[in-house]
All heavy atoms as atom14 arrays in JSON, in Angstrom:
{
  "sequence": "EFFVARDEQGRILGVTRIMPSDIESPGHPTPV",
  "atom14_mask": [
    [1, 1, 1, 1, 1, 1, 1, 1, 1, 0, 0, 0, 0, 0],
    [1, 1, 1, 1, 1, 1, 1, 1, 1, 1, 1, 0, 0, 0],
    [1, 1, 1, 1, 1, 1, 1, 1, 1, 1, 1, 0, 0, 0],
    [1, 1, 1, 1, 1, 1, 1, 0, 0, 0, 0, 0, 0, 0],
    [1, 1, 1, 1, 1, 0, 0, 0, 0, 0, 0, 0, 0, 0],
    [1, 1, 1, 1, 1, 1, 1, 1, 1, 1, 1, 0, 0, 0],
    [1, 1, 1, 1, 1, 1, 1, 1, 0, 0, 0, 0, 0, 0],
    [1, 1, 1, 1, 1, 1, 1, 1, 1, 0, 0, 0, 0, 0],
    [1, 1, 1, 1, 1, 1, 1, 1, 1, 0, 0, 0, 0, 0],
    [1, 1, 1, 1, 0, 0, 0, 0, 0, 0, 0, 0, 0, 0],
    [1, 1, 1, 1, 1, 1, 1, 1, 1, 1, 1, 0, 0, 0],
    [1, 1, 1, 1, 1, 1, 1, 1, 0, 0, 0, 0, 0, 0],
    [1, 1, 1, 1, 1, 1, 1, 1, 0, 0, 0, 0, 0, 0],
    [1, 1, 1, 1, 0, 0, 0, 0, 0, 0, 0, 0, 0, 0],
    [1, 1, 1, 1, 1, 1, 1, 0, 0, 0, 0, 0, 0, 0],
    [1, 1, 1, 1, 1, 1, 1, 0, 0, 0, 0, 0, 0, 0],
    [1, 1, 1, 1, 1, 1, 1, 1, 1, 1, 1, 0, 0, 0],
    [1, 1, 1, 1, 1, 1, 1, 1, 0, 0, 0, 0, 0, 0],
    [1, 1, 1, 1, 1, 1, 1, 1, 0, 0, 0, 0, 0, 0],
    [1, 1, 1, 1, 1, 1, 1, 0, 0, 0, 0, 0, 0, 0],
    [1, 1, 1, 1, 1, 1, 0, 0, 0, 0, 0, 0, 0, 0],
    [1, 1, 1, 1, 1, 1, 1, 1, 0, 0, 0, 0, 0, 0],
    [1, 1, 1, 1, 1, 1, 1, 1, 0, 0, 0, 0, 0, 0],
    [1, 1, 1, 1, 1, 1, 1, 1, 1, 0, 0, 0, 0, 0],
    [1, 1, 1, 1, 1, 1, 0, 0, 0, 0, 0, 0, 0, 0],
    [1, 1, 1, 1, 1, 1, 1, 0, 0, 0, 0, 0, 0, 0],
    [1, 1, 1, 1, 0, 0, 0, 0, 0, 0, 0, 0, 0, 0],
    [1, 1, 1, 1, 1, 1, 1, 1, 1, 1, 0, 0, 0, 0],
    [1, 1, 1, 1, 1, 1, 1, 0, 0, 0, 0, 0, 0, 0],
    [1, 1, 1, 1, 1, 1, 1, 0, 0, 0, 0, 0, 0, 0],
    [1, 1, 1, 1, 1, 1, 1, 0, 0, 0, 0, 0, 0, 0],
    [1, 1, 1, 1, 1, 1, 1, 0, 0, 0, 0, 0, 0, 0]
  ],
  "atom14_positions": [
    [[-1.37, -2.02, -6.43], [-2.38, -0.96, -6.56], [-2.64, -0.33, -5.22], [-2.22, -0.89, -4.18], [-3.67, -1.55, -7.13], [-4.24, -2.69, -6.27], [-5.35, -3.47, -6.96], [-6.45, -2.93, -7.04], [-5.09, -4.6, -7.42], [0.0, 0.0, 0.0], [0.0, 0.0, 0.0], [0.0, 0.0, 0.0], [0.0, 0.0, 0.0], [0.0, 0.0, 0.0]],
    [[-3.26, 0.83, -5.23], [-3.53, 1.53, -3.98], [-5.04, 1.58, -3.67], [-5.84, 1.57, -4.61], [-3.02, 2.97, -4.06], [-1.56, 3.14, -3.86], [-0.7, 3.04, -4.92], [-1.04, 3.37, -2.58], [0.68, 3.19, -4.74], [0.32, 3.49, -2.4], [1.18, 3.43, -3.48], [0.0, 0.0, 0.0], [0.0, 0.0, 0.0], [0.0, 0.0, 0.0]],
    [[-5.36, 1.68, -2.4], [-6.68, 2.05, -1.96], [-6.54, 3.37, -1.25], [-5.6, 3.53, -0.4], [-7.27, 0.99, -1.06], [-7.56, -0.3, -1.75], [-6.76, -1.38, -1.57], [-8.67, -0.4, -2.59], [-7.04, -2.55, -2.25], [-8.94, -1.57, -3.28], [-8.1, -2.64, -3.1], [0.0, 0.0, 0.0], [0.0, 0.0, 0.0], [0.0, 0.0, 0.0]],
    [[-7.41, 4.33, -1.58], [-7.32, 5.65, -1.02], [-8.63, 6.04, -0.39], [-9.66, 5.99, -1.03], [-6.97, 6.7, -2.13], [-6.84, 8.09, -1.54], [-5.71, 6.29, -2.85], [0.0, 0.0, 0.0], [0.0, 0.0, 0.0], [0.0, 0.0, 0.0], [0.0, 0.0, 0.0], [0.0, 0.0, 0.0], [0.0, 0.0, 0.0], [0.0, 0.0, 0.0]],
    [[-8.61, 6.38, 0.91], [-9.79, 6.85, 1.6], [-9.85, 8.36, 1.5], [-8.87, 9.07, 1.73], [-9.7, 6.44, 3.07], [0.0, 0.0, 0.0], [0.0, 0.0, 0.0], [0.0, 0.0, 0.0], [0.0, 0.0, 0.0], [0.0, 0.0, 0.0], [0.0, 0.0, 0.0], [0.0, 0.0, 0.0], [0.0, 0.0, 0.0], [0.0, 0.0, 0.0]],
    [[-11.04, 8.85, 1.11], [-11.24, 10.31, 0.94], [-12.51, 10.71, 1.69], [-13.47, 9.95, 1.78], [-11.42, 10.64, -0.54], [-10.2, 10.36, -1.39], [-10.45, 10.74, -2.87], [-9.39, 10.32, -3.71], [-8.28, 11.06, -3.95], [-8.16, 12.24, -3.39], [-7.34, 10.61, -4.75], [0.0, 0.0, 0.0], [0.0, 0.0, 0.0], [0.0, 0.0, 0.0]],
    [[-12.49, 11.96, 2.15], [-13.72, 12.5, 2.74], [-14.63, 13.05, 1.69], [-14.33, 12.93, 0.47], [-13.39, 13.55, 3.82], [-12.72, 14.85, 3.28], [-12.75, 15.05, 2.04], [-12.22, 15.64, 4.08], [0.0, 0.0, 0.0], [0.0, 0.0, 0.0], [0.0, 0.0, 0.0], [0.0, 0.0, 0.0], [0.0, 0.0, 0.0], [0.0, 0.0, 0.0]],
    [[-15.74, 13.64, 2.12], [-16.76, 14.14, 1.15], [-16.23, 15.23, 0.22], [-16.75, 15.42, -0.9], [-17.98, 14.67, 1.9], [-18.73, 13.6, 2.72], [-18.01, 13.22, 4.01], [-17.24, 14.02, 4.57], [-18.2, 12.07, 4.44], [0.0, 0.0, 0.0], [0.0, 0.0, 0.0], [0.0, 0.0, 0.0], [0.0, 0.0, 0.0], [0.0, 0.0, 0.0]],
    [[-15.2, 15.95, 0.65], [-14.6, 17.02, -0.16], [-13.46, 16.46, -1.03], [-12.87, 17.27, -1.8], [-14.1, 18.14, 0.72], [-15.16, 18.96, 1.41], [-15.77, 18.22, 2.62], [-15.05, 17.55, 3.36], [-17.08, 18.29, 2.78], [0.0, 0.0, 0.0], [0.0, 0.0, 0.0], [0.0, 0.0, 0.0], [0.0, 0.0, 0.0], [0.0, 0.0, 0.0]],
    [[-13.18, 15.21, -0.95], [-12.11, 14.62, -1.8], [-10.75, 14.63, -1.14], [-9.77, 14.21, -1.73], [0.0, 0.0, 0.0], [0.0, 0.0, 0.0], [0.0, 0.0, 0.0], [0.0, 0.0, 0.0], [0.0, 0.0, 0.0], [0.0, 0.0, 0.0], [0.0, 0.0, 0.0], [0.0, 0.0, 0.0], [0.0, 0.0, 0.0], [0.0, 0.0, 0.0]],
    [[-10.63, 15.16, 0.09], [-9.34, 15.18, 0.8], [-8.92, 13.78, 1.14], [-9.72, 12.99, 1.63], [-9.48, 16.05, 2.05], [-8.17, 16.19, 2.8], [-8.34, 17.12, 4.01], [-9.09, 16.53, 5.05], [-8.59, 16.0, 6.18], [-7.28, 16.0, 6.38], [-9.34, 15.46, 7.1], [0.0, 0.0, 0.0], [0.0, 0.0, 0.0], [0.0, 0.0, 0.0]],
    [[-7.66, 13.47, 0.94], [-7.13, 12.15, 1.27], [-7.0, 11.99, 2.79], [-6.4, 12.8, 3.46], [-5.78, 11.9, 0.61], [-5.96, 11.81, -0.91], [-5.12, 10.63, 1.15], [-4.68, 11.55, -1.68], [0.0, 0.0, 0.0], [0.0, 0.0, 0.0], [0.0, 0.0, 0.0], [0.0, 0.0, 0.0], [0.0, 0.0, 0.0], [0.0, 0.0, 0.0]],
    [[-7.61, 10.92, 3.29], [-7.61, 10.59, 4.69], [-6.57, 9.49, 5.0], [-5.96, 9.49, 6.06], [-8.95, 10.15, 5.18], [-10.12, 11.08, 4.93], [-11.43, 10.45, 5.32], [-9.9, 12.39, 5.69], [0.0, 0.0, 0.0], [0.0, 0.0, 0.0], [0.0, 0.0, 0.0], [0.0, 0.0, 0.0], [0.0, 0.0, 0.0], [0.0, 0.0, 0.0]],
    [[-6.39, 8.58, 4.06], [-5.47, 7.49, 4.25], [-5.23, 6.74, 2.98], [-6.0, 6.86, 2.02], [0.0, 0.0, 0.0], [0.0, 0.0, 0.0], [0.0, 0.0, 0.0], [0.0, 0.0, 0.0], [0.0, 0.0, 0.0], [0.0, 0.0, 0.0], [0.0, 0.0, 0.0], [0.0, 0.0, 0.0], [0.0, 0.0, 0.0], [0.0, 0.0, 0.0]],
    [[-4.17, 5.92, 2.96], [-3.75, 5.2, 1.79], [-3.19, 3.85, 2.21], [-2.54, 3.73, 3.29], [-2.62, 5.99, 1.06], [-2.07, 5.21, -0.09], [-3.09, 7.36, 0.63], [0.0, 0.0, 0.0], [0.0, 0.0, 0.0], [0.0, 0.0, 0.0], [0.0, 0.0, 0.0], [0.0, 0.0, 0.0], [0.0, 0.0, 0.0], [0.0, 0.0, 0.0]],
    [[-3.38, 2.85, 1.43], [-2.65, 1.6, 1.56], [-2.38, 1.02, 0.2], [-3.1, 1.3, -0.75], [-3.36, 0.57, 2.47], [-2.4, -0.5, 2.74], [-4.57, -0.05, 1.79], [0.0, 0.0, 0.0], [0.0, 0.0, 0.0], [0.0, 0.0, 0.0], [0.0, 0.0, 0.0], [0.0, 0.0, 0.0], [0.0, 0.0, 0.0], [0.0, 0.0, 0.0]],
    [[-1.32, 0.25, 0.09], [-0.93, -0.38, -1.16], [-0.94, -1.85, -0.98], [-0.54, -2.4, 0.1], [0.46, 0.1, -1.52], [1.01, -0.49, -2.81], [2.4, 0.03, -3.03], [2.99, -0.4, -4.29], [4.2, -0.1, -4.68], [5.01, 0.63, -3.93], [4.65, -0.56, -5.83], [0.0, 0.0, 0.0], [0.0, 0.0, 0.0], [0.0, 0.0, 0.0]],
    [[-1.39, -2.57, -1.99], [-1.29, -4.02, -2.0], [-0.43, -4.4, -3.2], [-0.39, -3.7, -4.21], [-2.63, -4.73, -2.09], [-3.44, -4.31, -3.33], [-3.43, -4.48, -0.82], [-4.66, -5.12, -3.58], [0.0, 0.0, 0.0], [0.0, 0.0, 0.0], [0.0, 0.0, 0.0], [0.0, 0.0, 0.0], [0.0, 0.0, 0.0], [0.0, 0.0, 0.0]],
    [[0.33, -5.46, -3.02], [1.21, -5.9, -4.08], [1.53, -7.37, -3.87], [1.34, -7.92, -2.77], [2.51, -5.06, -4.17], [3.28, -5.01, -2.9], [4.58, -3.77, -2.88], [5.73, -4.45, -4.02], [0.0, 0.0, 0.0], [0.0, 0.0, 0.0], [0.0, 0.0, 0.0], [0.0, 0.0, 0.0], [0.0, 0.0, 0.0], [0.0, 0.0, 0.0]],
    [[2.03, -8.02, -4.91], [2.47, -9.44, -4.73], [3.58, -9.49, -3.72], [4.37, -8.58, -3.57], [2.95, -9.86, -6.11], [2.46, -8.85, -7.05], [2.25, -7.55, -6.27], [0.0, 0.0, 0.0], [0.0, 0.0, 0.0], [0.0, 0.0, 0.0], [0.0, 0.0, 0.0], [0.0, 0.0, 0.0], [0.0, 0.0, 0.0], [0.0, 0.0, 0.0]],
    [[3.66, -10.59, -2.97], [4.78, -10.78, -2.1], [6.07, -10.77, -2.87], [6.11, -11.19, -3.99], [4.66, -12.11, -1.32], [3.63, -12.03, -0.38], [0.0, 0.0, 0.0], [0.0, 0.0, 0.0], [0.0, 0.0, 0.0], [0.0, 0.0, 0.0], [0.0, 0.0, 0.0], [0.0, 0.0, 0.0], [0.0, 0.0, 0.0], [0.0, 0.0, 0.0]],
    [[7.12, -10.3, -2.24], [8.4, -10.15, -2.96], [9.55, -10.56, -2.01], [9.99, -9.78, -1.19], [8.55, -8.71, -3.38], [9.88, -8.47, -4.15], [10.6, -9.46, -4.42], [10.16, -7.3, -4.46], [0.0, 0.0, 0.0], [0.0, 0.0, 0.0], [0.0, 0.0, 0.0], [0.0, 0.0, 0.0], [0.0, 0.0, 0.0], [0.0, 0.0, 0.0]],
    [[9.99, -11.82, -2.14], [11.08, -12.21, -1.28], [12.41, -11.57, -1.67], [13.38, -11.68, -0.99], [11.21, -13.78, -1.28], [11.43, -14.3, -2.69], [10.0, -14.43, -0.64], [11.71, -15.82, -2.74], [0.0, 0.0, 0.0], [0.0, 0.0, 0.0], [0.0, 0.0, 0.0], [0.0, 0.0, 0.0], [0.0, 0.0, 0.0], [0.0, 0.0, 0.0]],
    [[12.41, -10.85, -2.77], [13.63, -10.17, -3.23], [13.66, -8.7, -2.81], [14.6, -7.99, -3.12], [13.73, -10.29, -4.73], [13.75, -11.69, -5.28], [14.89, -12.52, -4.76], [16.0, -11.98, -4.65], [14.67, -13.69, -4.48], [0.0, 0.0, 0.0], [0.0, 0.0, 0.0], [0.0, 0.0, 0.0], [0.0, 0.0, 0.0], [0.0, 0.0, 0.0]],
    [[12.66, -8.17, -2.14], [12.63, -6.79, -1.77], [13.84, -6.44, -0.96], [14.15, -7.09, 0.06], [11.37, -6.51, -0.95], [11.42, -5.19, -0.41], [0.0, 0.0, 0.0], [0.0, 0.0, 0.0], [0.0, 0.0, 0.0], [0.0, 0.0, 0.0], [0.0, 0.0, 0.0], [0.0, 0.0, 0.0], [0.0, 0.0, 0.0], [0.0, 0.0, 0.0]],
    [[14.62, -5.38, -1.33], [15.78, -5.05, -0.59], [15.52, -4.45, 0.79], [16.29, -4.57, 1.71], [16.49, -4.02, -1.51], [15.41, -3.43, -2.29], [14.39, -4.52, -2.49], [0.0, 0.0, 0.0], [0.0, 0.0, 0.0], [0.0, 0.0, 0.0], [0.0, 0.0, 0.0], [0.0, 0.0, 0.0], [0.0, 0.0, 0.0], [0.0, 0.0, 0.0]],
    [[14.35, -3.79, 0.93], [14.04, -3.16, 2.22], [13.28, -4.05, 3.17], [13.6, -4.09, 4.38], [0.0, 0.0, 0.0], [0.0, 0.0, 0.0], [0.0, 0.0, 0.0], [0.0, 0.0, 0.0], [0.0, 0.0, 0.0], [0.0, 0.0, 0.0], [0.0, 0.0, 0.0], [0.0, 0.0, 0.0], [0.0, 0.0, 0.0], [0.0, 0.0, 0.0]],
    [[12.32, -4.75, 2.68], [11.47, -5.56, 3.53], [11.12, -6.87, 2.81], [10.04, -7.05, 2.31], [10.19, -4.83, 3.9], [10.45, -3.53, 4.56], [10.84, -3.42, 5.86], [10.45, -2.26, 4.09], [11.03, -2.14, 6.18], [10.81, -1.43, 5.11], [0.0, 0.0, 0.0], [0.0, 0.0, 0.0], [0.0, 0.0, 0.0], [0.0, 0.0, 0.0]],
    [[12.04, -7.84, 2.8], [11.79, -9.05, 2.09], [10.66, -9.87, 2.77], [10.53, -9.82, 3.99], [13.11, -9.81, 2.17], [13.8, -9.26, 3.35], [13.35, -7.82, 3.45], [0.0, 0.0, 0.0], [0.0, 0.0, 0.0], [0.0, 0.0, 0.0], [0.0, 0.0, 0.0], [0.0, 0.0, 0.0], [0.0, 0.0, 0.0], [0.0, 0.0, 0.0]],
    [[9.85, -10.55, 1.99], [8.81, -11.4, 2.51], [9.54, -12.64, 3.08], [10.36, -13.26, 2.4], [7.86, -11.84, 1.38], [7.29, -10.69, 0.84], [6.75, -12.78, 1.95], [0.0, 0.0, 0.0], [0.0, 0.0, 0.0], [0.0, 0.0, 0.0], [0.0, 0.0, 0.0], [0.0, 0.0, 0.0], [0.0, 0.0, 0.0], [0.0, 0.0, 0.0]],
    [[9.26, -13.03, 4.3], [9.91, -14.2, 4.86], [9.58, -15.47, 4.09], [8.49, -15.62, 3.53], [9.32, -14.33, 6.29], [8.77, -12.98, 6.57], [8.34, -12.41, 5.27], [0.0, 0.0, 0.0], [0.0, 0.0, 0.0], [0.0, 0.0, 0.0], [0.0, 0.0, 0.0], [0.0, 0.0, 0.0], [0.0, 0.0, 0.0], [0.0, 0.0, 0.0]],
    [[10.53, -16.36, 4.02], [10.31, -17.68, 3.39], [9.12, -18.3, 4.1], [9.0, -18.24, 5.32], [11.58, -18.56, 3.48], [11.28, -19.94, 2.97], [12.72, -17.89, 2.73], [0.0, 0.0, 0.0], [0.0, 0.0, 0.0], [0.0, 0.0, 0.0], [0.0, 0.0, 0.0], [0.0, 0.0, 0.0], [0.0, 0.0, 0.0], [0.0, 0.0, 0.0]]
  ]
}
């Protein structure tokens, strides 16, 4: 899921995503 920071006018200021660890990720595997 994502968390989105917005200003008073609703403009997106920032974003982050959280997800379960994934040791199978092809780009950025979670270290053992």
